[in-house]
Amino acid sequence: MSILAVILFIIIIAILVFVHELGHFVVAKWRGIRVDEFAIGFPPRIFSFKYGETVYAINCIPFGGYVKIFGENPDEESLTGPDSSRSMVNKGKITQTAVLLAGVTFNVLFAWLLISFSFMSGMPTSAGFASAYFANGTASSSVINTRVIVTGLVKDSPAEKSEIKVGNVINSISIAKSTGSTTATVASAAPVSATTSLSGDSLTVSSIQDFIQNSSGKPIAFDIASKTSSNDHKIIVITPAAGLVSGKAYGIGIGMDTVGIIKISPLKAFYYGAITTGIILKETAVGLFNFIIQTFIGKSHLSEVSGPVGIIGMVGQASEYGWAYLVSFTAFISINLAVINVLPFPALDGGRILFIIIETIKGSKLSPKIANTANAIGFALLLALMLAVTFHDVVKLFT
């Protein structure tokens, strides 16, 4: 874990929290609600200043932030005090809901902007994704510099035991005449002598899969490039295993995708940015819903969730492949933040909206004591979950 990755993570989180809280802030001000404090990070405080009626603060702990909206957590002053007319709790249900939804809305809009600007400058994208989701081939035909990328490794497979890493670019493959082991690496970058090989336009995901299956178990030499530099490459020899993949004679346990760069005009970029944002939003929501269901039936695991430490590692990996990857990953985190915050759980925006729905059905306000206690318990549980996930991330670093 590099210092640069930590710094980038803090910057990204600060930006996303700022965008989220800015949504609450803007709509609250617009609807005439008093905002007492706008803070990035959690206390202790680094510095602050007051402009008008609002205190603006930067705090030490960077994993969050908040806006203190008068009456969001009801008390005697906000209910019946001299400024109670500007209290959120005394505003209409539509206004309260709009303020609460503004944070997640701003996160989604921010992700849309990031993805759109990425399309304008050159977005790394799966060629399969482009052809499946972009209409009339407009964007898919704009995919350039396509390469076959390693996207996953099966646990305990020959590929996982080799020096191939997720993110490597496959330049060519060939049947090695020498009998290399599953982890053998040829020190020289010169091509390995071989009887057959794949390279250039003939190198596709399907052709590599067929090549491995038809290898008869002979060692295969992979010419791979680490990261995105074509000059930084080496030869890795892997021996396929029989019966590794169901329905196939041989396999090495590797996931691959054809990835290229999409660069399109601003108007199309915003259009396809909206489509892509919608797809990611849907897939994230479905994934989170399935994870919650699996949790209730005891089939989920903390390894499926990443906390701050795990995300720092992902930020570091994304930054290694260039700013376009980092911007895309930031958009993905922004959408995740939006989806999580809309969950109907106390202390989250969705939990507060749930209270508004209950009050609407009930026809009267919830007891402030009950609402505030539920939010406090919810926040404590979320903090405990974050600590547990962080501990698991740290353990993974050493194991």
Protein backbone atom coordinates (compact mmCIF):
# COMPACT_ATOMS: atom_id res chain seq x y z
CA MET A 1 0.00 0.00 0.00
CA SER A 2 1.70 3.18 -1.21
CA ILE A 3 1.55 6.67 0.29
CA LEU A 4 0.25 7.92 -3.07
CA ALA A 5 -2.70 5.49 -2.90
CA VAL A 6 -3.55 6.71 0.61
CA ILE A 7 -3.39 10.35 -0.47
CA LEU A 8 -5.52 9.69 -3.56
CA PHE A 9 -8.05 7.79 -1.44
CA ILE A 10 -8.37 10.67 1.03
CA ILE A 11 -8.80 13.15 -1.84
CA ILE A 12 -11.44 10.97 -3.54
CA ILE A 13 -13.40 10.41 -0.32
CA ALA A 14 -13.23 14.12 0.52
CA ILE A 15 -14.55 15.04 -2.94
CA LEU A 16 -17.37 12.47 -2.86
CA VAL A 17 -18.42 13.42 0.67
CA PHE A 18 -18.32 17.10 -0.31
CA VAL A 19 -20.56 16.39 -3.32
CA HIS A 20 -23.00 14.36 -1.18
CA GLU A 21 -23.25 16.90 1.61
CA LEU A 22 -23.41 19.74 -0.90
CA GLY A 23 -26.63 18.21 -2.19
CA HIS A 24 -28.21 18.34 1.28
CA PHE A 25 -26.83 21.84 1.83
CA VAL A 26 -28.05 23.36 -1.44
CA VAL A 27 -31.60 22.00 -1.23
CA ALA A 28 -31.92 22.87 2.48
CA LYS A 29 -30.82 26.46 1.80
CA TRP A 30 -33.11 26.62 -1.23
CA ARG A 31 -36.10 25.53 0.87
CA GLY A 32 -35.35 28.07 3.63
CA ILE A 33 -34.04 25.60 6.21
CA ARG A 34 -31.29 26.78 8.56
CA VAL A 35 -27.95 25.01 8.10
CA ASP A 36 -25.71 25.27 11.19
CA GLU A 37 -22.59 23.43 9.99
CA PHE A 38 -21.04 21.97 6.83
CA ALA A 39 -18.12 19.63 7.64
CA ILE A 40 -15.80 17.35 5.71
CA GLY A 41 -14.49 14.51 7.87
CA PHE A 42 -15.31 13.69 11.49
CA PRO A 43 -13.90 15.48 14.60
CA PRO A 44 -11.46 16.44 16.02
CA ARG A 45 -11.54 19.65 14.02
CA ILE A 46 -8.57 20.93 12.00
CA PHE A 47 -9.97 24.36 11.22
CA SER A 48 -13.25 26.14 10.64
CA PHE A 49 -14.78 29.49 9.78
CA LYS A 50 -18.26 30.97 9.92
CA TYR A 51 -19.96 32.61 6.97
CA GLY A 52 -23.44 33.89 7.62
CA GLU A 53 -25.23 31.46 9.91
CA THR A 54 -23.22 28.39 8.84
CA VAL A 55 -19.92 27.06 10.22
CA TYR A 56 -17.69 25.45 7.56
CA ALA A 57 -15.19 22.91 8.94
CA ILE A 58 -12.45 20.47 7.96
CA ASN A 59 -12.00 17.61 10.44
CA CYS A 60 -9.28 15.04 11.08
CA ILE A 61 -10.98 11.74 10.24
CA PRO A 62 -11.45 11.73 6.44
CA PHE A 63 -13.87 8.80 6.10
CA GLY A 64 -17.07 10.82 5.98
CA GLY A 65 -18.63 14.20 6.62
CA TYR A 66 -21.89 15.81 7.60
CA VAL A 67 -24.22 18.80 7.35
CA LYS A 68 -25.94 19.95 10.55
CA ILE A 69 -29.40 20.90 9.36
CA PHE A 70 -31.54 22.59 12.00
CA GLY A 71 -34.31 20.20 13.01
CA GLU A 72 -32.96 17.12 11.23
CA ASN A 73 -32.56 15.59 14.68
CA PRO A 74 -35.61 17.08 16.42
CA ASP A 75 -35.30 18.72 19.84
CA GLU A 76 -37.28 21.26 21.82
CA GLU A 77 -35.64 24.25 20.14
CA SER A 78 -36.28 23.02 16.59
CA LEU A 79 -39.85 22.01 17.40
CA THR A 80 -41.11 25.09 19.27
CA GLY A 81 -38.17 27.53 19.52
CA PRO A 82 -38.06 31.06 18.11
CA ASP A 83 -36.54 29.86 14.80
CA SER A 84 -38.73 26.75 14.53
CA SER A 85 -40.27 27.98 11.25
CA ARG A 86 -36.84 27.34 9.64
CA SER A 87 -36.55 23.88 11.17
CA MET A 88 -36.48 20.87 8.86
CA VAL A 89 -38.81 18.90 11.12
CA ASN A 90 -41.48 21.58 10.69
CA LYS A 91 -41.25 21.65 6.91
CA GLY A 92 -43.55 19.63 4.67
CA LYS A 93 -42.89 15.96 3.96
CA ILE A 94 -42.00 16.66 0.32
CA THR A 95 -39.39 19.25 1.35
CA GLN A 96 -37.89 16.92 3.96
CA THR A 97 -37.68 14.08 1.43
CA ALA A 98 -36.13 16.37 -1.19
CA VAL A 99 -33.40 17.44 1.25
CA LEU A 100 -32.64 13.83 2.18
CA LEU A 101 -32.59 12.60 -1.44
CA ALA A 102 -30.40 15.49 -2.60
CA GLY A 103 -27.17 13.85 -1.37
CA VAL A 104 -27.56 10.62 -3.31
CA THR A 105 -28.85 12.56 -6.33
CA PHE A 106 -25.72 14.72 -6.38
CA ASN A 107 -23.53 11.60 -6.13
CA VAL A 108 -25.26 10.03 -9.15
CA LEU A 109 -25.05 13.27 -11.14
CA PHE A 110 -21.37 13.60 -10.24
CA ALA A 111 -20.73 10.03 -11.43
CA TRP A 112 -22.52 10.86 -14.69
CA LEU A 113 -20.27 13.90 -15.20
CA LEU A 114 -17.12 11.88 -14.48
CA ILE A 115 -18.12 9.08 -16.87
CA SER A 116 -19.13 11.58 -19.57
CA PHE A 117 -15.83 13.46 -19.36
CA SER A 118 -14.03 10.10 -19.44
CA PHE A 119 -15.80 9.28 -22.72
CA MET A 120 -14.67 12.63 -24.11
CA SER A 121 -11.04 12.16 -23.11
CA GLY A 122 -10.83 8.39 -23.69
CA MET A 123 -12.60 5.85 -21.48
CA PRO A 124 -11.12 2.35 -20.93
CA THR A 125 -14.08 0.10 -21.74
CA SER A 126 -14.82 -3.54 -22.41
CA ALA A 127 -15.42 -4.04 -26.13
CA GLY A 128 -18.18 -6.51 -25.24
CA PHE A 129 -19.84 -3.93 -22.99
CA ALA A 130 -19.68 -1.32 -25.76
CA SER A 131 -21.24 -3.58 -28.38
CA ALA A 132 -23.95 -4.80 -25.99
CA TYR A 133 -25.10 -1.48 -24.56
CA PHE A 134 -24.33 1.23 -27.10
CA ALA A 135 -26.89 1.59 -29.88
CA ASN A 136 -26.20 1.28 -33.61
CA GLY A 137 -22.53 0.55 -33.08
CA THR A 138 -21.84 4.28 -32.65
CA ALA A 139 -19.68 3.82 -29.57
CA SER A 140 -18.56 0.24 -30.16
CA SER A 141 -17.10 1.25 -33.52
CA SER A 142 -15.09 3.92 -31.68
CA VAL A 143 -13.27 1.39 -29.48
CA ILE A 144 -9.58 1.68 -30.34
CA ASN A 145 -6.33 0.13 -29.09
CA THR A 146 -8.08 -3.06 -28.01
CA ARG A 147 -6.08 -5.54 -25.96
CA VAL A 148 -6.82 -8.76 -24.13
CA ILE A 149 -6.65 -8.07 -20.38
CA VAL A 150 -6.47 -10.53 -17.47
CA THR A 151 -9.58 -9.84 -15.37
CA GLY A 152 -9.55 -12.71 -12.88
CA LEU A 153 -7.72 -15.77 -11.58
CA VAL A 154 -9.34 -18.95 -10.26
CA LYS A 155 -8.16 -19.84 -6.76
CA ASP A 156 -5.44 -22.55 -6.65
CA SER A 157 -5.39 -22.75 -10.46
CA PRO A 158 -2.17 -22.91 -12.55
CA ALA A 159 -2.71 -19.25 -13.52
CA GLU A 160 -3.08 -18.14 -9.91
CA LYS A 161 0.11 -19.99 -8.97
CA SER A 162 2.02 -18.29 -11.77
CA GLU A 163 3.29 -14.72 -11.96
CA ILE A 164 0.36 -13.51 -14.06
CA LYS A 165 -1.61 -10.76 -12.30
CA VAL A 166 -5.05 -9.23 -12.79
CA GLY A 167 -4.64 -6.27 -15.13
CA ASN A 168 -1.84 -7.81 -17.19
CA VAL A 169 -2.06 -7.41 -20.97
CA ILE A 170 -1.62 -10.57 -23.05
CA ASN A 171 0.56 -9.76 -26.09
CA SER A 172 0.85 -13.29 -27.51
CA ILE A 173 0.76 -16.95 -26.55
CA SER A 174 2.59 -19.97 -27.93
CA ILE A 175 3.19 -23.66 -27.26
CA ALA A 176 6.53 -23.80 -25.48
CA LYS A 177 8.90 -26.55 -26.68
CA SER A 178 10.54 -26.67 -23.25
CA THR A 179 8.68 -28.23 -20.33
CA GLY A 180 8.18 -25.26 -18.06
CA SER A 181 6.48 -25.48 -14.71
CA THR A 182 3.32 -23.59 -13.83
CA THR A 183 5.35 -20.76 -12.36
CA ALA A 184 8.31 -20.70 -14.72
CA THR A 185 9.29 -17.30 -16.03
CA VAL A 186 11.66 -16.80 -18.94
CA ALA A 187 14.02 -14.00 -17.97
CA SER A 188 14.56 -12.80 -21.54
CA ALA A 189 11.84 -10.80 -23.25
CA ALA A 190 12.64 -12.51 -26.56
CA PRO A 191 9.87 -14.72 -28.02
CA VAL A 192 9.84 -18.34 -26.89
CA SER A 193 10.38 -20.81 -29.73
CA ALA A 194 7.11 -22.58 -30.35
CA THR A 195 5.27 -24.83 -32.73
CA THR A 196 2.13 -22.68 -32.87
CA SER A 197 1.24 -19.25 -31.56
CA LEU A 198 -1.35 -16.48 -31.46
CA SER A 199 -0.62 -12.78 -31.74
CA GLY A 200 -1.89 -9.58 -33.32
CA ASP A 201 -5.42 -9.65 -34.72
CA SER A 202 -5.71 -13.40 -34.16
CA LEU A 203 -5.37 -12.89 -30.39
CA THR A 204 -8.89 -12.75 -28.92
CA VAL A 205 -10.50 -14.07 -25.76
CA SER A 206 -12.18 -16.94 -27.63
CA SER A 207 -9.04 -17.83 -29.61
CA ILE A 208 -6.98 -17.97 -26.40
CA GLN A 209 -9.60 -20.18 -24.75
CA ASP A 210 -9.59 -22.54 -27.76
CA PHE A 211 -5.79 -22.50 -27.84
CA ILE A 212 -5.59 -23.57 -24.19
CA GLN A 213 -8.24 -26.25 -24.60
CA ASN A 214 -6.50 -27.71 -27.66
CA SER A 215 -3.05 -27.60 -26.10
CA SER A 216 -3.17 -31.26 -25.00
CA GLY A 217 -1.74 -30.13 -21.68
CA LYS A 218 1.51 -28.82 -23.18
CA PRO A 219 3.14 -25.82 -21.43
CA ILE A 220 2.00 -22.51 -22.89
CA ALA A 221 4.22 -19.41 -23.03
CA PHE A 222 2.37 -16.15 -22.34
CA ASP A 223 3.99 -12.90 -23.43
CA ILE A 224 2.40 -10.49 -20.96
CA ALA A 225 2.82 -6.80 -20.26
CA SER A 226 2.36 -5.48 -16.75
CA LYS A 227 0.08 -2.46 -16.47
CA THR A 228 -0.39 -0.73 -19.83
CA SER A 229 3.17 -0.37 -21.04
CA SER A 230 4.01 -2.52 -24.04
CA ASN A 231 7.71 -2.19 -23.20
CA ASP A 232 7.35 -3.69 -19.72
CA HIS A 233 6.73 -7.34 -20.54
CA LYS A 234 7.99 -10.85 -19.84
CA ILE A 235 7.31 -14.46 -20.77
CA ILE A 236 5.48 -16.69 -18.30
CA VAL A 237 5.08 -20.43 -18.94
CA ILE A 238 1.95 -22.12 -17.57
CA THR A 239 0.97 -25.77 -17.89
CA PRO A 240 -2.81 -26.28 -18.37
CA ALA A 241 -4.64 -28.62 -16.01
CA ALA A 242 -7.21 -31.22 -17.07
CA GLY A 243 -10.75 -30.92 -15.73
CA LEU A 244 -10.28 -27.41 -14.34
CA VAL A 245 -13.14 -25.94 -16.39
CA SER A 246 -16.43 -27.82 -16.69
CA GLY A 247 -16.97 -29.06 -20.24
CA LYS A 248 -13.42 -28.26 -21.38
CA ALA A 249 -10.48 -30.63 -21.68
CA TYR A 250 -7.85 -28.23 -20.34
CA GLY A 251 -7.74 -24.88 -18.60
CA ILE A 252 -5.43 -22.61 -16.63
CA GLY A 253 -8.00 -20.73 -14.52
CA ILE A 254 -7.84 -17.30 -16.09
CA GLY A 255 -10.54 -14.70 -16.76
CA MET A 256 -10.07 -12.37 -19.73
CA ASP A 257 -11.76 -9.50 -21.52
CA THR A 258 -11.05 -7.38 -24.58
CA VAL A 259 -10.57 -3.81 -23.40
CA GLY A 260 -10.03 -0.71 -25.49
CA ILE A 261 -10.48 3.04 -25.40
CA ILE A 262 -13.72 4.81 -26.34
CA LYS A 263 -13.43 8.47 -27.32
CA ILE A 264 -16.57 10.21 -28.55
CA SER A 265 -17.95 13.72 -29.04
CA PRO A 266 -19.25 15.74 -26.04
CA LEU A 267 -22.95 15.39 -26.94
CA LYS A 268 -22.71 11.62 -27.39
CA ALA A 269 -20.46 11.40 -24.31
CA PHE A 270 -23.16 12.87 -22.06
CA TYR A 271 -25.78 10.62 -23.65
CA TYR A 272 -23.76 7.43 -23.30
CA GLY A 273 -22.52 8.63 -19.91
CA ALA A 274 -26.13 8.67 -18.72
CA ILE A 275 -26.70 5.17 -20.11
CA THR A 276 -23.55 3.82 -18.47
CA THR A 277 -24.37 5.51 -15.16
CA GLY A 278 -27.81 3.92 -15.23
CA ILE A 279 -26.36 0.47 -15.94
CA ILE A 280 -23.81 0.75 -13.10
CA LEU A 281 -26.50 2.09 -10.75
CA LYS A 282 -28.79 -0.83 -11.54
CA GLU A 283 -26.06 -3.46 -11.23
CA THR A 284 -24.82 -1.96 -7.95
CA ALA A 285 -28.31 -1.91 -6.46
CA VAL A 286 -28.96 -5.51 -7.55
CA GLY A 287 -25.59 -6.62 -6.18
CA LEU A 288 -26.21 -4.94 -2.82
CA PHE A 289 -29.72 -6.40 -2.60
CA ASN A 290 -28.39 -9.90 -3.30
CA PHE A 291 -25.63 -9.42 -0.72
CA ILE A 292 -28.20 -8.42 1.92
CA ILE A 293 -30.35 -11.45 1.09
CA GLN A 294 -27.29 -13.73 1.27
CA THR A 295 -26.40 -12.17 4.64
CA PHE A 296 -29.80 -13.02 6.10
CA ILE A 297 -29.52 -16.66 4.99
CA GLY A 298 -25.91 -16.92 6.18
CA LYS A 299 -24.25 -17.31 2.78
CA SER A 300 -22.41 -13.99 2.50
CA HIS A 301 -18.93 -13.21 3.80
CA LEU A 302 -16.96 -10.10 4.73
CA SER A 303 -14.53 -10.92 1.91
CA GLU A 304 -17.23 -9.66 -0.49
CA VAL A 305 -17.09 -6.19 1.08
CA SER A 306 -14.22 -3.70 1.09
CA GLY A 307 -13.69 -1.02 3.71
CA PRO A 308 -11.30 1.94 3.64
CA VAL A 309 -8.16 -0.23 3.58
CA GLY A 310 -9.45 -2.39 0.74
CA ILE A 311 -10.56 0.65 -1.26
CA ILE A 312 -7.13 2.24 -0.81
CA GLY A 313 -5.65 -0.83 -2.53
CA MET A 314 -8.17 -0.53 -5.37
CA VAL A 315 -7.41 3.18 -5.76
CA GLY A 316 -3.71 2.34 -5.96
CA GLN A 317 -4.32 -0.27 -8.66
CA ALA A 318 -6.57 2.08 -10.66
CA SER A 319 -4.01 4.90 -10.50
CA GLU A 320 -1.30 2.57 -11.83
CA TYR A 321 -3.26 2.16 -15.06
CA GLY A 322 -3.73 5.90 -15.59
CA TRP A 323 -6.01 8.79 -14.68
CA ALA A 324 -8.82 7.54 -16.91
CA TYR A 325 -9.08 4.37 -14.82
CA LEU A 326 -8.94 6.39 -11.59
CA VAL A 327 -11.71 8.74 -12.75
CA SER A 328 -13.88 5.77 -13.75
CA PHE A 329 -13.27 4.11 -10.39
CA THR A 330 -14.18 7.36 -8.59
CA ALA A 331 -17.49 7.40 -10.49
CA PHE A 332 -18.10 3.80 -9.41
CA ILE A 333 -17.45 4.68 -5.73
CA SER A 334 -19.80 7.67 -6.03
CA ILE A 335 -22.60 5.42 -7.28
CA ASN A 336 -21.90 2.91 -4.49
CA LEU A 337 -22.12 5.73 -1.95
CA ALA A 338 -25.48 6.77 -3.38
CA VAL A 339 -26.93 3.26 -3.32
CA ILE A 340 -25.76 2.54 0.23
CA ASN A 341 -27.11 5.85 1.57
CA VAL A 342 -30.59 5.24 0.19
CA LEU A 343 -30.96 2.00 2.18
CA PRO A 344 -33.86 2.22 4.70
CA PHE A 345 -31.54 1.91 7.70
CA PRO A 346 -31.41 4.37 10.64
CA ALA A 347 -28.70 7.06 10.36
CA LEU A 348 -28.65 6.73 6.55
CA ASP A 349 -30.68 9.02 4.31
CA GLY A 350 -32.93 6.11 3.42
CA GLY A 351 -33.63 5.46 7.09
CA ARG A 352 -34.73 9.04 7.64
CA ILE A 353 -36.96 8.82 4.57
CA LEU A 354 -38.47 5.65 6.08
CA PHE A 355 -39.36 7.66 9.20
CA ILE A 356 -41.10 10.25 7.00
CA ILE A 357 -43.11 7.48 5.30
CA ILE A 358 -44.09 6.07 8.72
CA GLU A 359 -45.17 9.54 9.89
CA THR A 360 -47.25 10.00 6.72
CA ILE A 361 -49.02 6.67 7.23
CA LYS A 362 -49.36 7.27 10.98
CA GLY A 363 -50.72 10.80 10.51
CA SER A 364 -48.55 12.26 13.26
CA LYS A 365 -44.88 12.86 14.04
CA LEU A 366 -42.67 10.18 15.56
CA SER A 367 -41.39 10.87 19.04
CA PRO A 368 -38.09 12.80 18.67
CA LYS A 369 -36.59 10.59 21.37
CA ILE A 370 -37.41 7.41 19.40
CA ALA A 371 -36.14 8.83 16.08
CA ASN A 372 -32.90 10.19 17.56
CA THR A 373 -32.22 6.98 19.49
CA ALA A 374 -32.78 4.86 16.39
CA ASN A 375 -30.40 7.05 14.38
CA ALA A 376 -27.75 6.90 17.11
CA ILE A 377 -27.98 3.09 17.28
CA GLY A 378 -27.88 2.87 13.49
CA PHE A 379 -24.77 5.04 13.34
CA ALA A 380 -23.08 2.89 16.02
CA LEU A 381 -23.89 -0.29 14.08
CA LEU A 382 -22.57 1.21 10.83
CA LEU A 383 -19.37 2.25 12.61
CA ALA A 384 -18.99 -1.26 14.04
CA LEU A 385 -19.50 -2.76 10.57
CA MET A 386 -16.88 -0.43 9.09
CA LEU A 387 -14.39 -1.41 11.81
CA ALA A 388 -15.08 -5.11 11.21
CA VAL A 389 -14.63 -4.76 7.44
CA THR A 390 -11.47 -2.70 7.95
CA PHE A 391 -10.06 -5.35 10.29
CA HIS A 392 -10.81 -8.01 7.66
CA ASP A 393 -9.09 -5.86 4.99
CA VAL A 394 -5.99 -5.58 7.18
CA VAL A 395 -5.95 -9.34 7.76
CA LYS A 396 -6.12 -9.91 3.99
CA LEU A 397 -3.05 -7.72 3.54
CA PHE A 398 -1.01 -10.15 5.63
CA THR A 399 -2.57 -13.38 4.39
